[in-house]
Amino acid sequence: MTIDKVNLSEKFNLFSEQWKPHLIATVDNYAVKVAKLQGEFVWHHHEEEDELFMVIKGQLTIKLRDGEIVLNEGEMVVIPKGIEHLPVANDEAHILLFERKGTLNTGNVQSELTREQIDEI
């Protein structure tokens, strides 16, 4: 078995699309993904899954129905299952996501941003 390290900067250099997560590793039944975000996503929630957002570069705001959480580089938050949220990045942000395998990026909502298939890079 070969165990390879992952360089996040190299992974982010492999793609330019925004709001399209890419799988970079798995941990048991969980997916580690990276994505570039800019603009506003869609209001959604996940019925059965918590979702971890960590900002690698830039700033990400997670709007909630009763407030918002602003994440700067090196900060993270876990959005518990069932909590409606709206990710927003005024300028391009690079994020790492950690969530259960099979978690749909738009949760309970179908939109043009829904990604049924997640590419591995």
C-alpha atoms as a PDB file:
ATOM      1  CA  MET A   1       0.000   0.000   0.000  1.00  0.00           C
ATOM      2  CA  THR A   2       1.263   3.461  -0.902  1.00  0.00           C
ATOM      3  CA  ILE A   3       0.410   6.350   1.384  1.00  0.00           C
ATOM      4  CA  ASP A   4       0.674   9.710  -0.338  1.00  0.00           C
ATOM      5  CA  LYS A   5       0.604  13.147   1.220  1.00  0.00           C
ATOM      6  CA  VAL A   6      -1.744  15.795  -0.220  1.00  0.00           C
ATOM      7  CA  ASN A   7      -0.610  19.325  -1.041  1.00  0.00           C
ATOM      8  CA  LEU A   8      -3.673  21.600  -0.923  1.00  0.00           C
ATOM      9  CA  SER A   9      -2.073  24.361  -3.017  1.00  0.00           C
ATOM     10  CA  GLU A  10      -1.335  21.867  -5.778  1.00  0.00           C
ATOM     11  CA  LYS A  11      -4.901  20.553  -5.672  1.00  0.00           C
ATOM     12  CA  PHE A  12      -6.388  24.058  -5.954  1.00  0.00           C
ATOM     13  CA  ASN A  13      -4.147  24.729  -8.975  1.00  0.00           C
ATOM     14  CA  LEU A  14      -5.726  21.778 -10.835  1.00  0.00           C
ATOM     15  CA  PHE A  15      -9.109  23.462 -11.407  1.00  0.00           C
ATOM     16  CA  SER A  16     -10.730  26.855 -11.893  1.00  0.00           C
ATOM     17  CA  GLU A  17     -14.472  26.101 -11.750  1.00  0.00           C
ATOM     18  CA  GLN A  18     -16.390  27.640  -8.880  1.00  0.00           C
ATOM     19  CA  TRP A  19     -18.987  25.862  -6.744  1.00  0.00           C
ATOM     20  CA  LYS A  20     -17.778  22.485  -8.028  1.00  0.00           C
ATOM     21  CA  PRO A  21     -16.260  20.415  -5.209  1.00  0.00           C
ATOM     22  CA  HIS A  22     -13.459  17.936  -5.953  1.00  0.00           C
ATOM     23  CA  LEU A  23     -12.668  14.857  -3.896  1.00  0.00           C
ATOM     24  CA  ILE A  24      -9.079  14.780  -2.621  1.00  0.00           C
ATOM     25  CA  ALA A  25      -9.249  12.019   0.024  1.00  0.00           C
ATOM     26  CA  THR A  26     -11.512   9.714   1.962  1.00  0.00           C
ATOM     27  CA  VAL A  27     -11.466   8.980   5.694  1.00  0.00           C
ATOM     28  CA  ASP A  28     -13.537   5.897   6.481  1.00  0.00           C
ATOM     29  CA  ASN A  29     -17.043   6.850   5.293  1.00  0.00           C
ATOM     30  CA  TYR A  30     -16.217  10.551   4.890  1.00  0.00           C
ATOM     31  CA  ALA A  31     -15.120  12.638   1.921  1.00  0.00           C
ATOM     32  CA  VAL A  32     -12.503  15.382   2.029  1.00  0.00           C
ATOM     33  CA  LYS A  33     -13.227  17.865  -0.752  1.00  0.00           C
ATOM     34  CA  VAL A  34     -11.847  21.174  -1.978  1.00  0.00           C
ATOM     35  CA  ALA A  35     -13.753  23.873  -3.831  1.00  0.00           C
ATOM     36  CA  LYS A  36     -13.404  27.410  -5.089  1.00  0.00           C
ATOM     37  CA  LEU A  37     -16.358  29.624  -4.247  1.00  0.00           C
ATOM     38  CA  GLN A  38     -17.402  33.075  -5.345  1.00  0.00           C
ATOM     39  CA  GLY A  39     -20.791  34.728  -5.168  1.00  0.00           C
ATOM     40  CA  GLU A  40     -23.862  33.274  -3.519  1.00  0.00           C
ATOM     41  CA  PHE A  41     -24.786  29.587  -3.348  1.00  0.00           C
ATOM     42  CA  VAL A  42     -28.374  28.452  -2.572  1.00  0.00           C
ATOM     43  CA  TRP A  43     -30.261  28.204   0.716  1.00  0.00           C
ATOM     44  CA  HIS A  44     -30.280  24.539   1.691  1.00  0.00           C
ATOM     45  CA  HIS A  45     -29.885  22.060   4.512  1.00  0.00           C
ATOM     46  CA  HIS A  46     -28.783  18.461   4.877  1.00  0.00           C
ATOM     47  CA  GLU A  47     -31.303  16.128   6.508  1.00  0.00           C
ATOM     48  CA  GLU A  48     -28.832  13.502   7.711  1.00  0.00           C
ATOM     49  CA  GLU A  49     -25.344  14.999   7.476  1.00  0.00           C
ATOM     50  CA  ASP A  50     -23.260  17.585   9.305  1.00  0.00           C
ATOM     51  CA  GLU A  51     -20.998  19.655   7.045  1.00  0.00           C
ATOM     52  CA  LEU A  52     -17.565  21.083   7.880  1.00  0.00           C
ATOM     53  CA  PHE A  53     -16.324  24.190   6.061  1.00  0.00           C
ATOM     54  CA  MET A  54     -12.687  25.292   6.468  1.00  0.00           C
ATOM     55  CA  VAL A  55     -11.324  28.368   4.702  1.00  0.00           C
ATOM     56  CA  ILE A  56      -7.891  27.820   3.192  1.00  0.00           C
ATOM     57  CA  LYS A  57      -7.744  31.132   1.313  1.00  0.00           C
ATOM     58  CA  GLY A  58     -10.022  34.171   1.353  1.00  0.00           C
ATOM     59  CA  GLN A  59     -13.197  34.633   3.365  1.00  0.00           C
ATOM     60  CA  LEU A  60     -16.511  32.775   3.465  1.00  0.00           C
ATOM     61  CA  THR A  61     -19.741  33.900   5.073  1.00  0.00           C
ATOM     62  CA  ILE A  62     -22.264  31.253   6.090  1.00  0.00           C
ATOM     63  CA  LYS A  63     -25.657  32.935   6.346  1.00  0.00           C
ATOM     64  CA  LEU A  64     -28.135  31.348   8.733  1.00  0.00           C
ATOM     65  CA  ARG A  65     -31.791  32.257   9.172  1.00  0.00           C
ATOM     66  CA  ASP A  66     -30.935  33.911  12.505  1.00  0.00           C
ATOM     67  CA  GLY A  67     -27.507  35.412  11.754  1.00  0.00           C
ATOM     68  CA  GLU A  68     -24.265  34.681   9.967  1.00  0.00           C
ATOM     69  CA  ILE A  69     -20.815  33.242  10.561  1.00  0.00           C
ATOM     70  CA  VAL A  70     -17.806  34.869   8.889  1.00  0.00           C
ATOM     71  CA  LEU A  71     -14.858  32.537   8.337  1.00  0.00           C
ATOM     72  CA  ASN A  72     -11.383  33.846   7.584  1.00  0.00           C
ATOM     73  CA  GLU A  73      -8.322  31.894   6.468  1.00  0.00           C
ATOM     74  CA  GLY A  74      -7.568  29.049   8.862  1.00  0.00           C
ATOM     75  CA  GLU A  75     -11.047  29.084  10.424  1.00  0.00           C
ATOM     76  CA  MET A  76     -13.710  26.409  10.211  1.00  0.00           C
ATOM     77  CA  VAL A  77     -17.250  25.697  11.272  1.00  0.00           C
ATOM     78  CA  VAL A  78     -19.472  22.639  11.421  1.00  0.00           C
ATOM     79  CA  ILE A  79     -23.030  23.230  10.244  1.00  0.00           C
ATOM     80  CA  PRO A  80     -25.208  20.617  11.984  1.00  0.00           C
ATOM     81  CA  LYS A  81     -27.664  18.533   9.994  1.00  0.00           C
ATOM     82  CA  GLY A  82     -31.035  20.180   9.518  1.00  0.00           C
ATOM     83  CA  ILE A  83     -29.711  23.771   9.771  1.00  0.00           C
ATOM     84  CA  GLU A  84     -30.566  25.855   6.727  1.00  0.00           C
ATOM     85  CA  HIS A  85     -27.555  27.800   5.463  1.00  0.00           C
ATOM     86  CA  LEU A  86     -26.322  29.879   2.538  1.00  0.00           C
ATOM     87  CA  PRO A  87     -22.590  30.069   1.751  1.00  0.00           C
ATOM     88  CA  VAL A  88     -21.458  33.403   0.269  1.00  0.00           C
ATOM     89  CA  ALA A  89     -17.990  34.507  -0.894  1.00  0.00           C
ATOM     90  CA  ASN A  90     -17.663  38.105  -2.077  1.00  0.00           C
ATOM     91  CA  ASP A  91     -14.231  37.343  -3.554  1.00  0.00           C
ATOM     92  CA  GLU A  92     -12.981  33.912  -4.539  1.00  0.00           C
ATOM     93  CA  ALA A  93     -12.440  31.677  -1.508  1.00  0.00           C
ATOM     94  CA  HIS A  94     -10.715  28.300  -1.410  1.00  0.00           C
ATOM     95  CA  ILE A  95     -12.337  25.914   1.027  1.00  0.00           C
ATOM     96  CA  LEU A  96     -11.962  22.409   2.343  1.00  0.00           C
ATOM     97  CA  LEU A  97     -15.125  20.407   3.028  1.00  0.00           C
ATOM     98  CA  PHE A  98     -15.396  17.348   5.236  1.00  0.00           C
ATOM     99  CA  GLU A  99     -18.672  15.463   5.041  1.00  0.00           C
ATOM    100  CA  ARG A 100     -20.147  11.991   4.810  1.00  0.00           C
ATOM    101  CA  LYS A 101     -19.655  10.291   1.430  1.00  0.00           C
ATOM    102  CA  GLY A 102     -22.647  10.800  -0.816  1.00  0.00           C
ATOM    103  CA  THR A 103     -23.620  14.160   0.690  1.00  0.00           C
ATOM    104  CA  LEU A 104     -25.248  16.205  -2.057  1.00  0.00           C
ATOM    105  CA  ASN A 105     -23.721  19.702  -2.176  1.00  0.00           C
ATOM    106  CA  THR A 106     -27.131  21.404  -2.385  1.00  0.00           C
ATOM    107  CA  GLY A 107     -28.730  19.167   0.252  1.00  0.00           C
ATOM    108  CA  ASN A 108     -32.503  19.274   0.005  1.00  0.00           C
ATOM    109  CA  VAL A 109     -32.518  21.612  -3.042  1.00  0.00           C
ATOM    110  CA  GLN A 110     -31.981  20.881  -6.733  1.00  0.00           C
ATOM    111  CA  SER A 111     -30.455  23.741  -8.730  1.00  0.00           C
ATOM    112  CA  GLU A 112     -27.983  24.422 -11.528  1.00  0.00           C
ATOM    113  CA  LEU A 113     -25.288  24.226  -8.804  1.00  0.00           C
ATOM    114  CA  THR A 114     -26.216  20.654  -7.792  1.00  0.00           C
ATOM    115  CA  ARG A 115     -23.336  18.223  -8.398  1.00  0.00           C
ATOM    116  CA  GLU A 116     -24.446  14.590  -8.467  1.00  0.00           C
ATOM    117  CA  GLN A 117     -20.962  13.470  -9.514  1.00  0.00           C
ATOM    118  CA  ILE A 118     -17.856  14.597  -7.623  1.00  0.00           C
ATOM    119  CA  ASP A 119     -14.577  14.360  -9.556  1.00  0.00           C
ATOM    120  CA  GLU A 120     -11.487  13.081  -7.786  1.00  0.00           C
ATOM    121  CA  ILE A 121      -8.297  15.060  -8.311  1.00  0.00           C
END
